[in-house]
Amino acid sequence: MNIKIHSIHFDADEKLLGFIDQKIKKLLQFYDDIIGAEVFLRLEKVQDMENKIVEIKLFIPGNDVFAKKQSKTFEESADDCVEALRKQLNKHKEKIRK
């Protein structure tokens, strides 16, 4: 699986990149046919503490799935995104089986 991570308005450290990479690879347990993923890490310039945004787009045959979450840390946002994508992949698998 090919994973591209883009950090916008800042430079992400290796620890964060490794964390996100590991989380996305865990999605292979739920759906084997993932071709690749594109991740965007955004840092919004707002007064609110919840200014870390993670967007993940998974490329799968026939359809792509997308999730966008915002929270206080990139790790929390990534966790939320991966959980949302896991649910979408399960729904997609159910559709294919029918």
PDB file of N, CA and C in Angstrom:
ATOM      1  N   MET A   1       0.858  -1.187   0.000  1.00  0.00           N
ATOM      2  CA  MET A   1       0.000   0.000   0.000  1.00  0.00           C
ATOM      3  C   MET A   1       0.895   1.238   0.000  1.00  0.00           C
ATOM      4  N   ASN A   2       0.537   2.178  -0.825  1.00  0.00           N
ATOM      5  CA  ASN A   2       1.288   3.425  -0.964  1.00  0.00           C
ATOM      6  C   ASN A   2       0.620   4.511  -0.112  1.00  0.00           C
ATOM      7  N   ILE A   3       1.360   5.058   0.843  1.00  0.00           N
ATOM      8  CA  ILE A   3       0.814   6.084   1.733  1.00  0.00           C
ATOM      9  C   ILE A   3       1.575   7.385   1.523  1.00  0.00           C
ATOM     10  N   LYS A   4       0.847   8.449   1.182  1.00  0.00           N
ATOM     11  CA  LYS A   4       1.445   9.780   1.036  1.00  0.00           C
ATOM     12  C   LYS A   4       0.909  10.674   2.145  1.00  0.00           C
ATOM     13  N   ILE A   5       1.829  11.310   2.869  1.00  0.00           N
ATOM     14  CA  ILE A   5       1.414  12.198   3.959  1.00  0.00           C
ATOM     15  C   ILE A   5       1.887  13.610   3.652  1.00  0.00           C
ATOM     16  N   HIS A   6       0.940  14.558   3.652  1.00  0.00           N
ATOM     17  CA  HIS A   6       1.246  15.961   3.380  1.00  0.00           C
ATOM     18  C   HIS A   6       0.950  16.775   4.637  1.00  0.00           C
ATOM     19  N   SER A   7       1.932  17.516   5.120  1.00  0.00           N
ATOM     20  CA  SER A   7       1.675  18.410   6.247  1.00  0.00           C
ATOM     21  C   SER A   7       1.627  19.838   5.717  1.00  0.00           C
ATOM     22  N   ILE A   8       0.528  20.507   6.015  1.00  0.00           N
ATOM     23  CA  ILE A   8       0.271  21.837   5.470  1.00  0.00           C
ATOM     24  C   ILE A   8       0.445  22.873   6.572  1.00  0.00           C
ATOM     25  N   HIS A   9       1.235  23.895   6.323  1.00  0.00           N
ATOM     26  CA  HIS A   9       1.530  25.010   7.236  1.00  0.00           C
ATOM     27  C   HIS A   9       2.464  24.633   8.380  1.00  0.00           C
ATOM     28  N   PHE A  10       3.089  23.438   8.328  1.00  0.00           N
ATOM     29  CA  PHE A  10       4.056  23.038   9.357  1.00  0.00           C
ATOM     30  C   PHE A  10       4.816  21.812   8.867  1.00  0.00           C
ATOM     31  N   ASP A  11       5.883  21.443   9.574  1.00  0.00           N
ATOM     32  CA  ASP A  11       6.642  20.233   9.269  1.00  0.00           C
ATOM     33  C   ASP A  11       6.349  19.186  10.333  1.00  0.00           C
ATOM     34  N   ALA A  12       5.820  18.049   9.913  1.00  0.00           N
ATOM     35  CA  ALA A  12       5.490  16.969  10.852  1.00  0.00           C
ATOM     36  C   ALA A  12       6.759  16.219  11.239  1.00  0.00           C
ATOM     37  N   ASP A  13       6.855  15.819  12.502  1.00  0.00           N
ATOM     38  CA  ASP A  13       8.028  15.069  12.944  1.00  0.00           C
ATOM     39  C   ASP A  13       7.871  13.584  12.613  1.00  0.00           C
ATOM     40  N   GLU A  14       8.969  12.851  12.688  1.00  0.00           N
ATOM     41  CA  GLU A  14       8.995  11.428  12.326  1.00  0.00           C
ATOM     42  C   GLU A  14       8.048  10.597  13.200  1.00  0.00           C
ATOM     43  N   LYS A  15       7.937  10.962  14.472  1.00  0.00           N
ATOM     44  CA  LYS A  15       7.078  10.218  15.390  1.00  0.00           C
ATOM     45  C   LYS A  15       5.625  10.268  14.924  1.00  0.00           C
ATOM     46  N   LEU A  16       5.157  11.452  14.541  1.00  0.00           N
ATOM     47  CA  LEU A  16       3.785  11.619  14.065  1.00  0.00           C
ATOM     48  C   LEU A  16       3.571  10.868  12.746  1.00  0.00           C
ATOM     49  N   LEU A  17       4.526  10.981  11.840  1.00  0.00           N
ATOM     50  CA  LEU A  17       4.416  10.295  10.548  1.00  0.00           C
ATOM     51  C   LEU A  17       4.362   8.780  10.742  1.00  0.00           C
ATOM     52  N   GLY A  18       5.206   8.263  11.640  1.00  0.00           N
ATOM     53  CA  GLY A  18       5.203   6.833  11.928  1.00  0.00           C
ATOM     54  C   GLY A  18       3.898   6.373  12.543  1.00  0.00           C
ATOM     55  N   PHE A  19       3.353   7.194  13.441  1.00  0.00           N
ATOM     56  CA  PHE A  19       2.080   6.888  14.098  1.00  0.00           C
ATOM     57  C   PHE A  19       0.961   6.761  13.066  1.00  0.00           C
ATOM     58  N   ILE A  20       0.880   7.731  12.159  1.00  0.00           N
ATOM     59  CA  ILE A  20      -0.173   7.738  11.141  1.00  0.00           C
ATOM     60  C   ILE A  20       0.004   6.565  10.183  1.00  0.00           C
ATOM     61  N   ASP A  21       1.240   6.317   9.770  1.00  0.00           N
ATOM     62  CA  ASP A  21       1.541   5.204   8.878  1.00  0.00           C
ATOM     63  C   ASP A  21       1.074   3.882   9.501  1.00  0.00           C
ATOM     64  N   GLN A  22       1.381   3.685  10.772  1.00  0.00           N
ATOM     65  CA  GLN A  22       1.014   2.466  11.481  1.00  0.00           C
ATOM     66  C   GLN A  22      -0.513   2.321  11.570  1.00  0.00           C
ATOM     67  N   LYS A  23      -1.201   3.418  11.876  1.00  0.00           N
ATOM     68  CA  LYS A  23      -2.664   3.387  11.992  1.00  0.00           C
ATOM     69  C   LYS A  23      -3.325   3.003  10.665  1.00  0.00           C
ATOM     70  N   ILE A  24      -2.828   3.577   9.573  1.00  0.00           N
ATOM     71  CA  ILE A  24      -3.429   3.300   8.265  1.00  0.00           C
ATOM     72  C   ILE A  24      -3.168   1.845   7.859  1.00  0.00           C
ATOM     73  N   LYS A  25      -1.978   1.343   8.141  1.00  0.00           N
ATOM     74  CA  LYS A  25      -1.669  -0.047   7.786  1.00  0.00           C
ATOM     75  C   LYS A  25      -2.542  -1.030   8.556  1.00  0.00           C
ATOM     76  N   LYS A  26      -3.017  -0.645   9.741  1.00  0.00           N
ATOM     77  CA  LYS A  26      -3.918  -1.516  10.502  1.00  0.00           C
ATOM     78  C   LYS A  26      -5.251  -1.714   9.788  1.00  0.00           C
ATOM     79  N   LEU A  27      -5.621  -0.764   8.907  1.00  0.00           N
ATOM     80  CA  LEU A  27      -6.876  -0.892   8.171  1.00  0.00           C
ATOM     81  C   LEU A  27      -6.856  -2.092   7.223  1.00  0.00           C
ATOM     82  N   LEU A  28      -5.669  -2.572   6.872  1.00  0.00           N
ATOM     83  CA  LEU A  28      -5.562  -3.744   6.002  1.00  0.00           C
ATOM     84  C   LEU A  28      -6.170  -4.991   6.656  1.00  0.00           C
ATOM     85  N   GLN A  29      -6.260  -4.994   7.982  1.00  0.00           N
ATOM     86  CA  GLN A  29      -6.892  -6.115   8.677  1.00  0.00           C
ATOM     87  C   GLN A  29      -8.381  -6.202   8.339  1.00  0.00           C
ATOM     88  N   PHE A  30      -8.986  -5.060   8.051  1.00  0.00           N
ATOM     89  CA  PHE A  30     -10.420  -5.016   7.800  1.00  0.00           C
ATOM     90  C   PHE A  30     -10.758  -5.101   6.313  1.00  0.00           C
ATOM     91  N   TYR A  31      -9.818  -4.680   5.460  1.00  0.00           N
ATOM     92  CA  TYR A  31     -10.075  -4.678   4.020  1.00  0.00           C
ATOM     93  C   TYR A  31      -8.740  -4.855   3.300  1.00  0.00           C
ATOM     94  N   ASP A  32      -8.590  -5.964   2.576  1.00  0.00           N
ATOM     95  CA  ASP A  32      -7.303  -6.326   1.972  1.00  0.00           C
ATOM     96  C   ASP A  32      -6.964  -5.536   0.714  1.00  0.00           C
ATOM     97  N   ASP A  33      -7.960  -5.025   0.019  1.00  0.00           N
ATOM     98  CA  ASP A  33      -7.744  -4.445  -1.305  1.00  0.00           C
ATOM     99  C   ASP A  33      -7.460  -2.950  -1.302  1.00  0.00           C
ATOM    100  N   ILE A  34      -6.935  -2.404  -0.227  1.00  0.00           N
ATOM    101  CA  ILE A  34      -6.611  -0.978  -0.199  1.00  0.00           C
ATOM    102  C   ILE A  34      -5.393  -0.751  -1.091  1.00  0.00           C
ATOM    103  N   ILE A  35      -5.537   0.138  -2.066  1.00  0.00           N
ATOM    104  CA  ILE A  35      -4.459   0.429  -3.015  1.00  0.00           C
ATOM    105  C   ILE A  35      -3.477   1.424  -2.408  1.00  0.00           C
ATOM    106  N   GLY A  36      -4.009   2.465  -1.796  1.00  0.00           N
ATOM    107  CA  GLY A  36      -3.151   3.491  -1.223  1.00  0.00           C
ATOM    108  C   GLY A  36      -3.942   4.454  -0.368  1.00  0.00           C
ATOM    109  N   ALA A  37      -3.213   5.400   0.206  1.00  0.00           N
ATOM    110  CA  ALA A  37      -3.851   6.391   1.066  1.00  0.00           C
ATOM    111  C   ALA A  37      -3.148   7.728   0.893  1.00  0.00           C
ATOM    112  N   GLU A  38      -3.922   8.782   1.009  1.00  0.00           N
ATOM    113  CA  GLU A  38      -3.379  10.131   0.985  1.00  0.00           C
ATOM    114  C   GLU A  38      -3.857  10.829   2.252  1.00  0.00           C
ATOM    115  N   VAL A  39      -2.896  11.386   3.001  1.00  0.00           N
ATOM    116  CA  VAL A  39      -3.193  11.995   4.290  1.00  0.00           C
ATOM    117  C   VAL A  39      -2.789  13.466   4.248  1.00  0.00           C
ATOM    118  N   PHE A  40      -3.683  14.329   4.712  1.00  0.00           N
ATOM    119  CA  PHE A  40      -3.388  15.754   4.816  1.00  0.00           C
ATOM    120  C   PHE A  40      -3.470  16.151   6.286  1.00  0.00           C
ATOM    121  N   LEU A  41      -2.400  16.728   6.792  1.00  0.00           N
ATOM    122  CA  LEU A  41      -2.362  17.244   8.157  1.00  0.00           C
ATOM    123  C   LEU A  41      -2.396  18.758   8.072  1.00  0.00           C
ATOM    124  N   ARG A  42      -3.410  19.359   8.679  1.00  0.00           N
ATOM    125  CA  ARG A  42      -3.557  20.818   8.620  1.00  0.00           C
ATOM    126  C   ARG A  42      -3.535  21.403  10.024  1.00  0.00           C
ATOM    127  N   LEU A  43      -2.920  22.555  10.111  1.00  0.00           N
ATOM    128  CA  LEU A  43      -2.888  23.301  11.356  1.00  0.00           C
ATOM    129  C   LEU A  43      -3.628  24.607  11.093  1.00  0.00           C
ATOM    130  N   GLU A  44      -4.843  24.708  11.617  1.00  0.00           N
ATOM    131  CA  GLU A  44      -5.655  25.907  11.409  1.00  0.00           C
ATOM    132  C   GLU A  44      -5.190  27.012  12.350  1.00  0.00           C
ATOM    133  N   LYS A  45      -5.193  28.223  11.854  1.00  0.00           N
ATOM    134  CA  LYS A  45      -4.796  29.355  12.694  1.00  0.00           C
ATOM    135  C   LYS A  45      -6.044  29.981  13.300  1.00  0.00           C
ATOM    136  N   VAL A  46      -6.520  29.309  14.342  1.00  0.00           N
ATOM    137  CA  VAL A  46      -7.699  29.805  15.056  1.00  0.00           C
ATOM    138  C   VAL A  46      -7.382  29.843  16.548  1.00  0.00           C
ATOM    139  N   GLN A  47      -8.182  30.552  17.304  1.00  0.00           N
ATOM    140  CA  GLN A  47      -7.959  30.674  18.741  1.00  0.00           C
ATOM    141  C   GLN A  47      -8.324  29.390  19.480  1.00  0.00           C
ATOM    142  N   ASP A  48      -9.200  28.614  18.893  1.00  0.00           N
ATOM    143  CA  ASP A  48      -9.658  27.377  19.514  1.00  0.00           C
ATOM    144  C   ASP A  48      -8.499  26.377  19.623  1.00  0.00           C
ATOM    145  N   MET A  49      -8.473  25.625  20.722  1.00  0.00           N
ATOM    146  CA  MET A  49      -7.422  24.621  20.917  1.00  0.00           C
ATOM    147  C   MET A  49      -7.571  23.448  19.951  1.00  0.00           C
ATOM    148  N   GLU A  50      -8.785  23.190  19.493  1.00  0.00           N
ATOM    149  CA  GLU A  50      -9.013  22.083  18.568  1.00  0.00           C
ATOM    150  C   GLU A  50      -8.729  22.549  17.144  1.00  0.00           C
ATOM    151  N   ASN A  51      -7.438  22.749  16.838  1.00  0.00           N
ATOM    152  CA  ASN A  51      -7.085  23.295  15.534  1.00  0.00           C
ATOM    153  C   ASN A  51      -6.260  22.325  14.689  1.00  0.00           C
ATOM    154  N   LYS A  52      -6.183  21.044  15.086  1.00  0.00           N
ATOM    155  CA  LYS A  52      -5.423  20.051  14.318  1.00  0.00           C
ATOM    156  C   LYS A  52      -6.412  19.227  13.491  1.00  0.00           C
ATOM    157  N   ILE A  53      -6.256  19.282  12.178  1.00  0.00           N
ATOM    158  CA  ILE A  53      -7.176  18.596  11.271  1.00  0.00           C
ATOM    159  C   ILE A  53      -6.423  17.509  10.512  1.00  0.00           C
ATOM    160  N   VAL A  54      -7.022  16.327  10.466  1.00  0.00           N
ATOM    161  CA  VAL A  54      -6.473  15.223   9.686  1.00  0.00           C
ATOM    162  C   VAL A  54      -7.525  14.797   8.673  1.00  0.00           C
ATOM    163  N   GLU A  55      -7.106  14.700   7.401  1.00  0.00           N
ATOM    164  CA  GLU A  55      -7.976  14.197   6.339  1.00  0.00           C
ATOM    165  C   GLU A  55      -7.294  12.981   5.743  1.00  0.00           C
ATOM    166  N   ILE A  56      -8.021  11.889   5.628  1.00  0.00           N
ATOM    167  CA  ILE A  56      -7.467  10.670   5.036  1.00  0.00           C
ATOM    168  C   ILE A  56      -8.390  10.209   3.919  1.00  0.00           C
ATOM    169  N   LYS A  57      -7.782   9.960   2.760  1.00  0.00           N
ATOM    170  CA  LYS A  57      -8.520   9.417   1.626  1.00  0.00           C
ATOM    171  C   LYS A  57      -7.896   8.064   1.293  1.00  0.00           C
ATOM    172  N   LEU A  58      -8.713   7.016   1.355  1.00  0.00           N
ATOM    173  CA  LEU A  58      -8.247   5.675   1.017  1.00  0.00           C
ATOM    174  C   LEU A  58      -8.691   5.337  -0.400  1.00  0.00           C
ATOM    175  N   PHE A  59      -7.772   4.807  -1.170  1.00  0.00           N
ATOM    176  CA  PHE A  59      -8.076   4.397  -2.535  1.00  0.00           C
ATOM    177  C   PHE A  59      -8.334   2.898  -2.541  1.00  0.00           C
ATOM    178  N   ILE A  60      -9.577   2.531  -2.880  1.00  0.00           N
ATOM    179  CA  ILE A  60      -9.952   1.127  -2.966  1.00  0.00           C
ATOM    180  C   ILE A  60     -10.610   0.905  -4.325  1.00  0.00           C
ATOM    181  N   PRO A  61     -10.574  -0.320  -4.845  1.00  0.00           N
ATOM    182  CA  PRO A  61     -11.163  -0.578  -6.167  1.00  0.00           C
ATOM    183  C   PRO A  61     -12.648  -0.211  -6.212  1.00  0.00           C
ATOM    184  N   GLY A  62     -13.011   0.552  -7.217  1.00  0.00           N
ATOM    185  CA  GLY A  62     -14.409   0.899  -7.425  1.00  0.00           C
ATOM    186  C   GLY A  62     -14.881   2.146  -6.715  1.00  0.00           C
ATOM    187  N   ASN A  63     -14.251   2.478  -5.600  1.00  0.00           N
ATOM    188  CA  ASN A  63     -14.734   3.611  -4.813  1.00  0.00           C
ATOM    189  C   ASN A  63     -13.645   4.057  -3.849  1.00  0.00           C
ATOM    190  N   ASP A  64     -13.571   5.326  -3.562  1.00  0.00           N
ATOM    191  CA  ASP A  64     -12.637   5.827  -2.556  1.00  0.00           C
ATOM    192  C   ASP A  64     -13.427   6.184  -1.304  1.00  0.00           C
ATOM    193  N   VAL A  65     -12.784   6.057  -0.144  1.00  0.00           N
ATOM    194  CA  VAL A  65     -13.438   6.457   1.109  1.00  0.00           C
ATOM    195  C   VAL A  65     -12.628   7.589   1.723  1.00  0.00           C
ATOM    196  N   PHE A  66     -13.331   8.481   2.414  1.00  0.00           N
ATOM    197  CA  PHE A  66     -12.714   9.700   2.920  1.00  0.00           C
ATOM    198  C   PHE A  66     -13.216   9.996   4.326  1.00  0.00           C
ATOM    199  N   ALA A  67     -12.304  10.510   5.156  1.00  0.00           N
ATOM    200  CA  ALA A  67     -12.700  10.953   6.499  1.00  0.00           C
ATOM    201  C   ALA A  67     -11.898  12.196   6.857  1.00  0.00           C
ATOM    202  N   LYS A  68     -12.552  13.113   7.574  1.00  0.00           N
ATOM    203  CA  LYS A  68     -11.904  14.349   8.031  1.00  0.00           C
ATOM    204  C   LYS A  68     -12.317  14.582   9.470  1.00  0.00           C
ATOM    205  N   LYS A  69     -11.321  14.735  10.343  1.00  0.00           N
ATOM    206  CA  LYS A  69     -11.613  14.952  11.757  1.00  0.00           C
ATOM    207  C   LYS A  69     -10.729  16.061  12.307  1.00  0.00           C
ATOM    208  N   GLN A  70     -11.249  16.743  13.329  1.00  0.00           N
ATOM    209  CA  GLN A  70     -10.551  17.862  13.950  1.00  0.00           C
ATOM    210  C   GLN A  70     -10.560  17.673  15.463  1.00  0.00           C
ATOM    211  N   SER A  71      -9.396  17.883  16.098  1.00  0.00           N
ATOM    212  CA  SER A  71      -9.323  17.768  17.560  1.00  0.00           C
ATOM    213  C   SER A  71      -8.096  18.509  18.086  1.00  0.00           C
ATOM    214  N   LYS A  72      -7.765  18.262  19.355  1.00  0.00           N
ATOM    215  CA  LYS A  72      -6.657  18.976  20.005  1.00  0.00           C
ATOM    216  C   LYS A  72      -5.289  18.479  19.574  1.00  0.00           C
ATOM    217  N   THR A  73      -5.195  17.189  19.193  1.00  0.00           N
ATOM    218  CA  THR A  73      -3.902  16.635  18.760  1.00  0.00           C
ATOM    219  C   THR A  73      -4.084  15.917  17.428  1.00  0.00           C
ATOM    220  N   PHE A  74      -2.986  15.824  16.683  1.00  0.00           N
ATOM    221  CA  PHE A  74      -3.031  15.103  15.411  1.00  0.00           C
ATOM    222  C   PHE A  74      -3.278  13.614  15.644  1.00  0.00           C
ATOM    223  N   GLU A  75      -2.732  13.078  16.739  1.00  0.00           N
ATOM    224  CA  GLU A  75      -2.924  11.659  17.030  1.00  0.00           C
ATOM    225  C   GLU A  75      -4.400  11.341  17.265  1.00  0.00           C
ATOM    226  N   GLU A  76      -5.070  12.205  18.031  1.00  0.00           N
ATOM    227  CA  GLU A  76      -6.496  11.998  18.297  1.00  0.00           C
ATOM    228  C   GLU A  76      -7.315  12.120  17.014  1.00  0.00           C
ATOM    229  N   SER A  77      -6.982  13.104  16.191  1.00  0.00           N
ATOM    230  CA  SER A  77      -7.676  13.272  14.912  1.00  0.00           C
ATOM    231  C   SER A  77      -7.452  12.066  14.017  1.00  0.00           C
ATOM    232  N   ALA A  78      -6.217  11.565  13.965  1.00  0.00           N
ATOM    233  CA  ALA A  78      -5.901  10.401  13.134  1.00  0.00           C
ATOM    234  C   ALA A  78      -6.666   9.168  13.629  1.00  0.00           C
ATOM    235  N   ASP A  79      -6.723   8.986  14.962  1.00  0.00           N
ATOM    236  CA  ASP A  79      -7.487   7.865  15.529  1.00  0.00           C
ATOM    237  C   ASP A  79      -8.945   7.934  15.097  1.00  0.00           C
ATOM    238  N   ASP A  80      -9.535   9.121  15.200  1.00  0.00           N
ATOM    239  CA  ASP A  80     -10.944   9.304  14.822  1.00  0.00           C
ATOM    240  C   ASP A  80     -11.163   9.017  13.339  1.00  0.00           C
ATOM    241  N   CYS A  81     -10.232   9.489  12.503  1.00  0.00           N
ATOM    242  CA  CYS A  81     -10.323   9.261  11.057  1.00  0.00           C
ATOM    243  C   CYS A  81     -10.251   7.776  10.730  1.00  0.00           C
ATOM    244  N   VAL A  82      -9.291   7.096  11.329  1.00  0.00           N
ATOM    245  CA  VAL A  82      -9.112   5.670  11.051  1.00  0.00           C
ATOM    246  C   VAL A  82     -10.347   4.887  11.497  1.00  0.00           C
ATOM    247  N   GLU A  83     -10.918   5.252  12.616  1.00  0.00           N
ATOM    248  CA  GLU A  83     -12.130   4.585  13.093  1.00  0.00           C
ATOM    249  C   GLU A  83     -13.293   4.816  12.118  1.00  0.00           C
ATOM    250  N   ALA A  84     -13.442   6.044  11.628  1.00  0.00           N
ATOM    251  CA  ALA A  84     -14.496   6.351  10.658  1.00  0.00           C
ATOM    252  C   ALA A  84     -14.276   5.567   9.358  1.00  0.00           C
ATOM    253  N   LEU A  85     -13.019   5.475   8.927  1.00  0.00           N
ATOM    254  CA  LEU A  85     -12.711   4.729   7.702  1.00  0.00           C
ATOM    255  C   LEU A  85     -12.967   3.236   7.892  1.00  0.00           C
ATOM    256  N   ARG A  86     -12.661   2.721   9.072  1.00  0.00           N
ATOM    257  CA  ARG A  86     -12.910   1.298   9.349  1.00  0.00           C
ATOM    258  C   ARG A  86     -14.400   0.982   9.189  1.00  0.00           C
ATOM    259  N   LYS A  87     -15.252   1.864   9.711  1.00  0.00           N
ATOM    260  CA  LYS A  87     -16.696   1.673   9.578  1.00  0.00           C
ATOM    261  C   LYS A  87     -17.125   1.726   8.115  1.00  0.00           C
ATOM    262  N   GLN A  88     -16.563   2.674   7.362  1.00  0.00           N
ATOM    263  CA  GLN A  88     -16.902   2.788   5.945  1.00  0.00           C
ATOM    264  C   GLN A  88     -16.454   1.551   5.168  1.00  0.00           C
ATOM    265  N   LEU A  89     -15.273   1.018   5.499  1.00  0.00           N
ATOM    266  CA  LEU A  89     -14.774  -0.178   4.821  1.00  0.00           C
ATOM    267  C   LEU A  89     -15.659  -1.384   5.120  1.00  0.00           C
ATOM    268  N   ASN A  90     -16.118  -1.492   6.359  1.00  0.00           N
ATOM    269  CA  ASN A  90     -17.019  -2.598   6.705  1.00  0.00           C
ATOM    270  C   ASN A  90     -18.328  -2.500   5.930  1.00  0.00           C
ATOM    271  N   LYS A  91     -18.876  -1.295   5.803  1.00  0.00           N
ATOM    272  CA  LYS A  91     -20.100  -1.097   5.023  1.00  0.00           C
ATOM    273  C   LYS A  91     -19.866  -1.450   3.559  1.00  0.00           C
ATOM    274  N   HIS A  92     -18.698  -1.057   3.044  1.00  0.00           N
ATOM    275  CA  HIS A  92     -18.348  -1.336   1.652  1.00  0.00           C
ATOM    276  C   HIS A  92     -18.254  -2.846   1.410  1.00  0.00           C
ATOM    277  N   LYS A  93     -17.647  -3.562   2.357  1.00  0.00           N
ATOM    278  CA  LYS A  93     -17.540  -5.016   2.239  1.00  0.00           C
ATOM    279  C   LYS A  93     -18.918  -5.677   2.233  1.00  0.00           C
ATOM    280  N   GLU A  94     -19.816  -5.154   3.067  1.00  0.00           N
ATOM    281  CA  GLU A  94     -21.176  -5.708   3.113  1.00  0.00           C
ATOM    282  C   GLU A  94     -21.889  -5.525   1.774  1.00  0.00           C
ATOM    283  N   LYS A  95     -21.697  -4.354   1.149  1.00  0.00           N
ATOM    284  CA  LYS A  95     -22.320  -4.094  -0.151  1.00  0.00           C
ATOM    285  C   LYS A  95     -21.797  -5.070  -1.206  1.00  0.00           C
ATOM    286  N   ILE A  96     -20.496  -5.329  -1.159  1.00  0.00           N
ATOM    287  CA  ILE A  96     -19.888  -6.221  -2.155  1.00  0.00           C
ATOM    288  C   ILE A  96     -20.420  -7.642  -1.997  1.00  0.00           C
ATOM    289  N   ARG A  97     -20.626  -8.088  -0.778  1.00  0.00           N
ATOM    290  CA  ARG A  97     -21.092  -9.448  -0.516  1.00  0.00           C
ATOM    291  C   ARG A  97     -22.521  -9.685  -1.010  1.00  0.00           C
ATOM    292  N   LYS A  98     -23.333  -8.628  -1.078  1.00  0.00           N
ATOM    293  CA  LYS A  98     -24.741  -8.784  -1.473  1.00  0.00           C
ATOM    294  C   LYS A  98     -24.898  -8.909  -2.960  1.00  0.00           C
TER     295      LYS A  98
END
